[in-house]
Full PDB file with SEQRES, HELIX, SHEET, SSBOND, CRYST1, ORIGX, SCALE, CONECT and MASTER records, all heavy atoms in Angstrom:
SEQRES   1 A   34  SER PHE SER PRO VAL VAL MET PHE GLY GLY VAL LEU MET          
SEQRES   2 A   34  GLY GLY CYS PHE ALA ALA ALA VAL PHE ILE ALA PHE PHE          
SEQRES   3 A   34  ASP MET TRP ILE ARG LYS PRO LYS                              
HELIX    1 AA1 SER A    3  TRP A   29  1                                  27    
CRYST1    1.000    1.000    1.000  90.00  90.00  90.00 P 1           1          
ORIGX1      1.000000  0.000000  0.000000        0.00000                         
ORIGX2      0.000000  1.000000  0.000000        0.00000                         
ORIGX3      0.000000  0.000000  1.000000        0.00000                         
SCALE1      1.000000  0.000000  0.000000        0.00000                         
SCALE2      0.000000  1.000000  0.000000        0.00000                         
SCALE3      0.000000  0.000000  1.000000        0.00000                         
ATOM      1  N   SER A   1      23.840 -26.138 -13.250  1.00  0.00           N  
ATOM      2  CA  SER A   1      23.078 -24.888 -13.330  1.00  0.00           C  
ATOM      3  C   SER A   1      23.715 -23.776 -12.502  1.00  0.00           C  
ATOM      4  O   SER A   1      23.422 -22.592 -12.713  1.00  0.00           O  
ATOM      5  CB  SER A   1      21.636 -25.113 -12.869  1.00  0.00           C  
ATOM      6  OG  SER A   1      21.586 -25.630 -11.553  1.00  0.00           O  
ATOM      7  N   PHE A   2      24.607 -24.128 -11.562  1.00  0.00           N  
ATOM      8  CA  PHE A   2      25.269 -23.121 -10.737  1.00  0.00           C  
ATOM      9  C   PHE A   2      26.621 -22.686 -11.301  1.00  0.00           C  
ATOM     10  O   PHE A   2      27.251 -21.778 -10.756  1.00  0.00           O  
ATOM     11  CB  PHE A   2      25.469 -23.644  -9.306  1.00  0.00           C  
ATOM     12  CG  PHE A   2      24.210 -23.698  -8.493  1.00  0.00           C  
ATOM     13  CD1 PHE A   2      23.413 -24.829  -8.494  1.00  0.00           C  
ATOM     14  CD2 PHE A   2      23.804 -22.602  -7.741  1.00  0.00           C  
ATOM     15  CE1 PHE A   2      22.239 -24.887  -7.757  1.00  0.00           C  
ATOM     16  CE2 PHE A   2      22.638 -22.645  -6.996  1.00  0.00           C  
ATOM     17  CZ  PHE A   2      21.844 -23.793  -7.003  1.00  0.00           C  
ATOM     18  N   SER A   3      27.079 -23.311 -12.377  1.00  0.00           N  
ATOM     19  CA  SER A   3      28.386 -22.952 -12.946  1.00  0.00           C  
ATOM     20  C   SER A   3      28.464 -21.491 -13.381  1.00  0.00           C  
ATOM     21  O   SER A   3      29.503 -20.840 -13.184  1.00  0.00           O  
ATOM     22  CB  SER A   3      28.729 -23.876 -14.117  1.00  0.00           C  
ATOM     23  OG  SER A   3      28.927 -25.196 -13.662  1.00  0.00           O  
ATOM     24  N   PRO A   4      27.392 -20.908 -13.971  1.00  0.00           N  
ATOM     25  CA  PRO A   4      27.466 -19.476 -14.320  1.00  0.00           C  
ATOM     26  C   PRO A   4      27.672 -18.581 -13.106  1.00  0.00           C  
ATOM     27  O   PRO A   4      28.249 -17.487 -13.234  1.00  0.00           O  
ATOM     28  CB  PRO A   4      26.101 -19.207 -14.985  1.00  0.00           C  
ATOM     29  CG  PRO A   4      25.669 -20.532 -15.520  1.00  0.00           C  
ATOM     30  CD  PRO A   4      26.160 -21.528 -14.520  1.00  0.00           C  
ATOM     31  N   VAL A   5      27.223 -19.020 -11.916  1.00  0.00           N  
ATOM     32  CA  VAL A   5      27.428 -18.232 -10.702  1.00  0.00           C  
ATOM     33  C   VAL A   5      28.919 -18.125 -10.398  1.00  0.00           C  
ATOM     34  O   VAL A   5      29.432 -17.050 -10.048  1.00  0.00           O  
ATOM     35  CB  VAL A   5      26.680 -18.860  -9.506  1.00  0.00           C  
ATOM     36  CG1 VAL A   5      26.979 -18.096  -8.212  1.00  0.00           C  
ATOM     37  CG2 VAL A   5      25.174 -18.890  -9.766  1.00  0.00           C  
ATOM     38  N   VAL A   6      29.634 -19.242 -10.542  1.00  0.00           N  
ATOM     39  CA  VAL A   6      31.078 -19.246 -10.299  1.00  0.00           C  
ATOM     40  C   VAL A   6      31.787 -18.364 -11.320  1.00  0.00           C  
ATOM     41  O   VAL A   6      32.680 -17.582 -10.964  1.00  0.00           O  
ATOM     42  CB  VAL A   6      31.635 -20.682 -10.356  1.00  0.00           C  
ATOM     43  CG1 VAL A   6      33.147 -20.688 -10.159  1.00  0.00           C  
ATOM     44  CG2 VAL A   6      30.966 -21.554  -9.298  1.00  0.00           C  
ATOM     45  N   MET A   7      31.391 -18.464 -12.574  1.00  0.00           N  
ATOM     46  CA  MET A   7      31.996 -17.638 -13.618  1.00  0.00           C  
ATOM     47  C   MET A   7      31.752 -16.158 -13.330  1.00  0.00           C  
ATOM     48  O   MET A   7      32.668 -15.331 -13.439  1.00  0.00           O  
ATOM     49  CB  MET A   7      31.420 -18.013 -14.980  1.00  0.00           C  
ATOM     50  CG  MET A   7      32.069 -17.314 -16.152  1.00  0.00           C  
ATOM     51  SD  MET A   7      33.754 -17.903 -16.507  1.00  0.00           S  
ATOM     52  CE  MET A   7      33.405 -19.436 -17.367  1.00  0.00           C  
ATOM     53  N   PHE A   8      30.519 -15.818 -12.945  1.00  0.00           N  
ATOM     54  CA  PHE A   8      30.194 -14.424 -12.625  1.00  0.00           C  
ATOM     55  C   PHE A   8      31.009 -13.946 -11.426  1.00  0.00           C  
ATOM     56  O   PHE A   8      31.534 -12.824 -11.418  1.00  0.00           O  
ATOM     57  CB  PHE A   8      28.697 -14.297 -12.331  1.00  0.00           C  
ATOM     58  CG  PHE A   8      28.306 -12.947 -11.772  1.00  0.00           C  
ATOM     59  CD1 PHE A   8      28.244 -11.833 -12.598  1.00  0.00           C  
ATOM     60  CD2 PHE A   8      28.025 -12.790 -10.418  1.00  0.00           C  
ATOM     61  CE1 PHE A   8      27.899 -10.581 -12.081  1.00  0.00           C  
ATOM     62  CE2 PHE A   8      27.677 -11.549  -9.901  1.00  0.00           C  
ATOM     63  CZ  PHE A   8      27.613 -10.444 -10.727  1.00  0.00           C  
ATOM     64  N   GLY A   9      31.127 -14.780 -10.386  1.00  0.00           N  
ATOM     65  CA  GLY A   9      31.897 -14.402  -9.207  1.00  0.00           C  
ATOM     66  C   GLY A   9      33.352 -14.128  -9.543  1.00  0.00           C  
ATOM     67  O   GLY A   9      33.951 -13.172  -9.034  1.00  0.00           O  
ATOM     68  N   GLY A  10      33.934 -14.946 -10.424  1.00  0.00           N  
ATOM     69  CA  GLY A  10      35.325 -14.738 -10.814  1.00  0.00           C  
ATOM     70  C   GLY A  10      35.520 -13.453 -11.599  1.00  0.00           C  
ATOM     71  O   GLY A  10      36.487 -12.719 -11.378  1.00  0.00           O  
ATOM     72  N   VAL A  11      34.605 -13.166 -12.525  1.00  0.00           N  
ATOM     73  CA  VAL A  11      34.692 -11.925 -13.311  1.00  0.00           C  
ATOM     74  C   VAL A  11      34.505 -10.716 -12.404  1.00  0.00           C  
ATOM     75  O   VAL A  11      35.233  -9.715 -12.514  1.00  0.00           O  
ATOM     76  CB  VAL A  11      33.625 -11.931 -14.432  1.00  0.00           C  
ATOM     77  CG1 VAL A  11      33.566 -10.569 -15.123  1.00  0.00           C  
ATOM     78  CG2 VAL A  11      33.941 -13.027 -15.448  1.00  0.00           C  
ATOM     79  N   LEU A  12      33.528 -10.794 -11.491  1.00  0.00           N  
ATOM     80  CA  LEU A  12      33.284  -9.692 -10.557  1.00  0.00           C  
ATOM     81  C   LEU A  12      34.501  -9.453  -9.667  1.00  0.00           C  
ATOM     82  O   LEU A  12      34.890  -8.305  -9.411  1.00  0.00           O  
ATOM     83  CB  LEU A  12      32.054 -10.000  -9.695  1.00  0.00           C  
ATOM     84  CG  LEU A  12      31.667  -8.947  -8.646  1.00  0.00           C  
ATOM     85  CD1 LEU A  12      31.305  -7.623  -9.312  1.00  0.00           C  
ATOM     86  CD2 LEU A  12      30.507  -9.460  -7.790  1.00  0.00           C  
ATOM     87  N   MET A  13      35.128 -10.526  -9.224  1.00  0.00           N  
ATOM     88  CA  MET A  13      36.300 -10.416  -8.361  1.00  0.00           C  
ATOM     89  C   MET A  13      37.444  -9.714  -9.085  1.00  0.00           C  
ATOM     90  O   MET A  13      38.061  -8.777  -8.557  1.00  0.00           O  
ATOM     91  CB  MET A  13      36.751 -11.806  -7.904  1.00  0.00           C  
ATOM     92  CG  MET A  13      37.913 -11.804  -6.932  1.00  0.00           C  
ATOM     93  SD  MET A  13      38.440 -13.492  -6.503  1.00  0.00           S  
ATOM     94  CE  MET A  13      36.959 -14.131  -5.728  1.00  0.00           C  
ATOM     95  N   GLY A  14      37.729 -10.152 -10.306  1.00  0.00           N  
ATOM     96  CA  GLY A  14      38.803  -9.529 -11.075  1.00  0.00           C  
ATOM     97  C   GLY A  14      38.516  -8.069 -11.371  1.00  0.00           C  
ATOM     98  O   GLY A  14      39.410  -7.222 -11.272  1.00  0.00           O  
ATOM     99  N   GLY A  15      37.262  -7.753 -11.707  1.00  0.00           N  
ATOM    100  CA  GLY A  15      36.902  -6.372 -12.011  1.00  0.00           C  
ATOM    101  C   GLY A  15      37.012  -5.457 -10.813  1.00  0.00           C  
ATOM    102  O   GLY A  15      37.534  -4.336 -10.905  1.00  0.00           O  
ATOM    103  N   CYS A  16      36.544  -5.924  -9.654  1.00  0.00           N  
ATOM    104  CA  CYS A  16      36.590  -5.096  -8.442  1.00  0.00           C  
ATOM    105  C   CYS A  16      38.021  -4.900  -7.960  1.00  0.00           C  
ATOM    106  O   CYS A  16      38.384  -3.816  -7.493  1.00  0.00           O  
ATOM    107  CB  CYS A  16      35.737  -5.724  -7.343  1.00  0.00           C  
ATOM    108  SG  CYS A  16      33.965  -5.580  -7.632  1.00  0.00           S  
ATOM    109  N   PHE A  17      38.846  -5.955  -8.087  1.00  0.00           N  
ATOM    110  CA  PHE A  17      40.238  -5.804  -7.662  1.00  0.00           C  
ATOM    111  C   PHE A  17      40.971  -4.816  -8.564  1.00  0.00           C  
ATOM    112  O   PHE A  17      41.718  -3.953  -8.087  1.00  0.00           O  
ATOM    113  CB  PHE A  17      40.948  -7.151  -7.664  1.00  0.00           C  
ATOM    114  CG  PHE A  17      42.365  -7.080  -7.166  1.00  0.00           C  
ATOM    115  CD1 PHE A  17      42.636  -6.945  -5.814  1.00  0.00           C  
ATOM    116  CD2 PHE A  17      43.431  -7.117  -8.054  1.00  0.00           C  
ATOM    117  CE1 PHE A  17      43.945  -6.859  -5.359  1.00  0.00           C  
ATOM    118  CE2 PHE A  17      44.737  -7.026  -7.605  1.00  0.00           C  
ATOM    119  CZ  PHE A  17      44.992  -6.898  -6.250  1.00  0.00           C  
ATOM    120  N   ALA A  18      40.751  -4.939  -9.880  1.00  0.00           N  
ATOM    121  CA  ALA A  18      41.385  -4.000 -10.817  1.00  0.00           C  
ATOM    122  C   ALA A  18      40.925  -2.573 -10.545  1.00  0.00           C  
ATOM    123  O   ALA A  18      41.726  -1.626 -10.584  1.00  0.00           O  
ATOM    124  CB  ALA A  18      41.057  -4.403 -12.255  1.00  0.00           C  
ATOM    125  N   ALA A  19      39.630  -2.393 -10.234  1.00  0.00           N  
ATOM    126  CA  ALA A  19      39.107  -1.061  -9.947  1.00  0.00           C  
ATOM    127  C   ALA A  19      39.738  -0.498  -8.671  1.00  0.00           C  
ATOM    128  O   ALA A  19      40.073   0.692  -8.606  1.00  0.00           O  
ATOM    129  CB  ALA A  19      37.587  -1.121  -9.803  1.00  0.00           C  
ATOM    130  N   ALA A  20      39.911  -1.344  -7.653  1.00  0.00           N  
ATOM    131  CA  ALA A  20      40.507  -0.884  -6.397  1.00  0.00           C  
ATOM    132  C   ALA A  20      41.941  -0.418  -6.606  1.00  0.00           C  
ATOM    133  O   ALA A  20      42.365   0.622  -6.078  1.00  0.00           O  
ATOM    134  CB  ALA A  20      40.460  -2.020  -5.362  1.00  0.00           C  
ATOM    135  N   VAL A  21      42.709  -1.182  -7.384  1.00  0.00           N  
ATOM    136  CA  VAL A  21      44.103  -0.805  -7.656  1.00  0.00           C  
ATOM    137  C   VAL A  21      44.151   0.496  -8.462  1.00  0.00           C  
ATOM    138  O   VAL A  21      44.955   1.394  -8.175  1.00  0.00           O  
ATOM    139  CB  VAL A  21      44.830  -1.942  -8.403  1.00  0.00           C  
ATOM    140  CG1 VAL A  21      46.221  -1.490  -8.844  1.00  0.00           C  
ATOM    141  CG2 VAL A  21      44.936  -3.181  -7.519  1.00  0.00           C  
ATOM    142  N   PHE A  22      43.288   0.621  -9.460  1.00  0.00           N  
ATOM    143  CA  PHE A  22      43.259   1.840 -10.275  1.00  0.00           C  
ATOM    144  C   PHE A  22      42.914   3.056  -9.421  1.00  0.00           C  
ATOM    145  O   PHE A  22      43.563   4.110  -9.527  1.00  0.00           O  
ATOM    146  CB  PHE A  22      42.235   1.694 -11.405  1.00  0.00           C  
ATOM    147  CG  PHE A  22      42.006   2.965 -12.165  1.00  0.00           C  
ATOM    148  CD1 PHE A  22      42.906   3.389 -13.133  1.00  0.00           C  
ATOM    149  CD2 PHE A  22      40.902   3.772 -11.898  1.00  0.00           C  
ATOM    150  CE1 PHE A  22      42.714   4.574 -13.834  1.00  0.00           C  
ATOM    151  CE2 PHE A  22      40.696   4.960 -12.583  1.00  0.00           C  
ATOM    152  CZ  PHE A  22      41.608   5.364 -13.552  1.00  0.00           C  
ATOM    153  N   ILE A  23      41.902   2.936  -8.581  1.00  0.00           N  
ATOM    154  CA  ILE A  23      41.482   4.053  -7.732  1.00  0.00           C  
ATOM    155  C   ILE A  23      42.623   4.501  -6.828  1.00  0.00           C  
ATOM    156  O   ILE A  23      42.893   5.705  -6.681  1.00  0.00           O  
ATOM    157  CB  ILE A  23      40.245   3.649  -6.891  1.00  0.00           C  
ATOM    158  CG1 ILE A  23      39.006   3.614  -7.792  1.00  0.00           C  
ATOM    159  CG2 ILE A  23      40.024   4.610  -5.722  1.00  0.00           C  
ATOM    160  CD1 ILE A  23      37.773   3.042  -7.113  1.00  0.00           C  
ATOM    161  N   ALA A  24      43.314   3.534  -6.222  1.00  0.00           N  
ATOM    162  CA  ALA A  24      44.408   3.867  -5.308  1.00  0.00           C  
ATOM    163  C   ALA A  24      45.549   4.575  -6.046  1.00  0.00           C  
ATOM    164  O   ALA A  24      46.057   5.614  -5.599  1.00  0.00           O  
ATOM    165  CB  ALA A  24      44.913   2.605  -4.617  1.00  0.00           C  
ATOM    166  N   PHE A  25      45.963   4.033  -7.185  1.00  0.00           N  
ATOM    167  CA  PHE A  25      47.073   4.639  -7.926  1.00  0.00           C  
ATOM    168  C   PHE A  25      46.682   6.007  -8.483  1.00  0.00           C  
ATOM    169  O   PHE A  25      47.496   6.933  -8.489  1.00  0.00           O  
ATOM    170  CB  PHE A  25      47.521   3.713  -9.060  1.00  0.00           C  
ATOM    171  CG  PHE A  25      48.561   2.711  -8.631  1.00  0.00           C  
ATOM    172  CD1 PHE A  25      48.194   1.467  -8.139  1.00  0.00           C  
ATOM    173  CD2 PHE A  25      49.912   3.019  -8.692  1.00  0.00           C  
ATOM    174  CE1 PHE A  25      49.141   0.549  -7.737  1.00  0.00           C  
ATOM    175  CE2 PHE A  25      50.875   2.111  -8.293  1.00  0.00           C  
ATOM    176  CZ  PHE A  25      50.488   0.866  -7.800  1.00  0.00           C  
ATOM    177  N   PHE A  26      45.443   6.128  -8.940  1.00  0.00           N  
ATOM    178  CA  PHE A  26      45.001   7.420  -9.474  1.00  0.00           C  
ATOM    179  C   PHE A  26      45.070   8.503  -8.405  1.00  0.00           C  
ATOM    180  O   PHE A  26      45.574   9.612  -8.649  1.00  0.00           O  
ATOM    181  CB  PHE A  26      43.573   7.300 -10.017  1.00  0.00           C  
ATOM    182  CG  PHE A  26      43.055   8.558 -10.644  1.00  0.00           C  
ATOM    183  CD1 PHE A  26      43.261   8.797 -11.999  1.00  0.00           C  
ATOM    184  CD2 PHE A  26      42.385   9.518  -9.896  1.00  0.00           C  
ATOM    185  CE1 PHE A  26      42.798   9.968 -12.597  1.00  0.00           C  
ATOM    186  CE2 PHE A  26      41.920  10.682 -10.482  1.00  0.00           C  
ATOM    187  CZ  PHE A  26      42.128  10.918 -11.829  1.00  0.00           C  
ATOM    188  N   ASP A  27      44.567   8.178  -7.209  1.00  0.00           N  
ATOM    189  CA  ASP A  27      44.546   9.186  -6.147  1.00  0.00           C  
ATOM    190  C   ASP A  27      45.938   9.522  -5.638  1.00  0.00           C  
ATOM    191  O   ASP A  27      46.203  10.660  -5.244  1.00  0.00           O  
ATOM    192  CB  ASP A  27      43.669   8.699  -4.989  1.00  0.00           C  
ATOM    193  CG  ASP A  27      42.218   9.105  -5.180  1.00  0.00           C  
ATOM    194  OD1 ASP A  27      41.799   9.240  -6.338  1.00  0.00           O  
ATOM    195  OD2 ASP A  27      41.503   9.293  -4.175  1.00  0.00           O  
ATOM    196  N   MET A  28      46.840   8.548  -5.625  1.00  0.00           N  
ATOM    197  CA  MET A  28      48.175   8.806  -5.084  1.00  0.00           C  
ATOM    198  C   MET A  28      49.086   9.529  -6.069  1.00  0.00           C  
ATOM    199  O   MET A  28      49.902  10.359  -5.657  1.00  0.00           O  
ATOM    200  CB  MET A  28      48.819   7.480  -4.644  1.00  0.00           C  
ATOM    201  CG  MET A  28      48.234   6.887  -3.370  1.00  0.00           C  
ATOM    202  SD  MET A  28      49.164   5.445  -2.775  1.00  0.00           S  
ATOM    203  CE  MET A  28      48.886   4.260  -4.072  1.00  0.00           C  
ATOM    204  N   TRP A  29      48.958   9.222  -7.368  1.00  0.00           N  
ATOM    205  CA  TRP A  29      49.970   9.701  -8.314  1.00  0.00           C  
ATOM    206  C   TRP A  29      49.432  10.639  -9.394  1.00  0.00           C  
ATOM    207  O   TRP A  29      50.232  11.281 -10.080  1.00  0.00           O  
ATOM    208  CB  TRP A  29      50.664   8.511  -8.968  1.00  0.00           C  
ATOM    209  CG  TRP A  29      51.319   7.621  -7.970  1.00  0.00           C  
ATOM    210  CD1 TRP A  29      50.906   6.388  -7.577  1.00  0.00           C  
ATOM    211  CD2 TRP A  29      52.484   7.915  -7.196  1.00  0.00           C  
ATOM    212  NE1 TRP A  29      51.744   5.873  -6.615  1.00  0.00           N  
ATOM    213  CE2 TRP A  29      52.725   6.789  -6.361  1.00  0.00           C  
ATOM    214  CE3 TRP A  29      53.354   9.005  -7.124  1.00  0.00           C  
ATOM    215  CZ2 TRP A  29      53.792   6.742  -5.475  1.00  0.00           C  
ATOM    216  CZ3 TRP A  29      54.426   8.949  -6.231  1.00  0.00           C  
ATOM    217  CH2 TRP A  29      54.624   7.833  -5.427  1.00  0.00           C  
ATOM    218  N   ILE A  30      48.124  10.721  -9.555  1.00  0.00           N  
ATOM    219  CA  ILE A  30      47.564  11.595 -10.593  1.00  0.00           C  
ATOM    220  C   ILE A  30      46.744  12.732  -9.993  1.00  0.00           C  
ATOM    221  O   ILE A  30      46.908  13.893 -10.372  1.00  0.00           O  
ATOM    222  CB  ILE A  30      46.699  10.778 -11.578  1.00  0.00           C  
ATOM    223  CG1 ILE A  30      47.561   9.721 -12.285  1.00  0.00           C  
ATOM    224  CG2 ILE A  30      46.018  11.688 -12.596  1.00  0.00           C  
ATOM    225  CD1 ILE A  30      46.793   8.807 -13.218  1.00  0.00           C  
ATOM    226  N   ARG A  31      45.868  12.396  -9.066  1.00  0.00           N  
ATOM    227  CA  ARG A  31      45.011  13.434  -8.477  1.00  0.00           C  
ATOM    228  C   ARG A  31      45.847  14.413  -7.642  1.00  0.00           C  
ATOM    229  O   ARG A  31      46.711  13.999  -6.858  1.00  0.00           O  
ATOM    230  CB  ARG A  31      43.929  12.795  -7.608  1.00  0.00           C  
ATOM    231  CG  ARG A  31      42.838  13.780  -7.184  1.00  0.00           C  
ATOM    232  CD  ARG A  31      41.872  13.127  -6.201  1.00  0.00           C  
ATOM    233  NE  ARG A  31      41.180  11.996  -6.737  1.00  0.00           N  
ATOM    234  CZ  ARG A  31      40.064  12.065  -7.462  1.00  0.00           C  
ATOM    235  NH1 ARG A  31      39.545  13.261  -7.774  1.00  0.00           N  
ATOM    236  NH2 ARG A  31      39.477  10.973  -7.880  1.00  0.00           N  
ATOM    237  N   LYS A  32      45.596  15.681  -7.805  1.00  0.00           N  
ATOM    238  CA  LYS A  32      46.302  16.705  -7.027  1.00  0.00           C  
ATOM    239  C   LYS A  32      45.624  16.889  -5.669  1.00  0.00           C  
ATOM    240  O   LYS A  32      44.399  17.010  -5.589  1.00  0.00           O  
ATOM    241  CB  LYS A  32      46.287  18.046  -7.769  1.00  0.00           C  
ATOM    242  CG  LYS A  32      46.929  17.993  -9.155  1.00  0.00           C  
ATOM    243  CD  LYS A  32      48.398  17.682  -9.077  1.00  0.00           C  
ATOM    244  CE  LYS A  32      49.035  17.714 -10.468  1.00  0.00           C  
ATOM    245  NZ  LYS A  32      50.485  17.355 -10.425  1.00  0.00           N  
ATOM    246  N   PRO A  33      46.394  16.885  -4.587  1.00  0.00           N  
ATOM    247  CA  PRO A  33      45.792  17.112  -3.277  1.00  0.00           C  
ATOM    248  C   PRO A  33      45.244  18.526  -3.160  1.00  0.00           C  
ATOM    249  O   PRO A  33      45.809  19.469  -3.722  1.00  0.00           O  
ATOM    250  CB  PRO A  33      46.934  16.865  -2.310  1.00  0.00           C  
ATOM    251  CG  PRO A  33      48.189  17.099  -3.091  1.00  0.00           C  
ATOM    252  CD  PRO A  33      47.848  16.675  -4.513  1.00  0.00           C  
ATOM    253  N   LYS A  34      44.136  18.655  -2.459  1.00  0.00           N  
ATOM    254  CA  LYS A  34      43.552  19.988  -2.251  1.00  0.00           C  
ATOM    255  C   LYS A  34      44.454  20.795  -1.345  1.00  0.00           C  
ATOM    256  O   LYS A  34      44.960  20.279  -0.341  1.00  0.00           O  
ATOM    257  CB  LYS A  34      42.169  19.855  -1.652  1.00  0.00           C  
ATOM    258  CG  LYS A  34      41.135  19.254  -2.587  1.00  0.00           C  
ATOM    259  CD  LYS A  34      39.764  19.221  -1.921  1.00  0.00           C  
ATOM    260  CE  LYS A  34      38.728  18.626  -2.884  1.00  0.00           C  
ATOM    261  NZ  LYS A  34      37.376  18.579  -2.247  1.00  0.00           N  
TER     262      LYS A  34                                                      
MASTER        0    0    0    1    0    0    0    6  261    1    0    3          
END                                                                             
């Protein structure tokens, strides 16, 4: 009954890591500094 928790944790981990990398690259190479 706890297996879906592990699956959810893995999906959440991958999504948050991908979002962190995207945010960093967007701000460094696309966003114009004020």
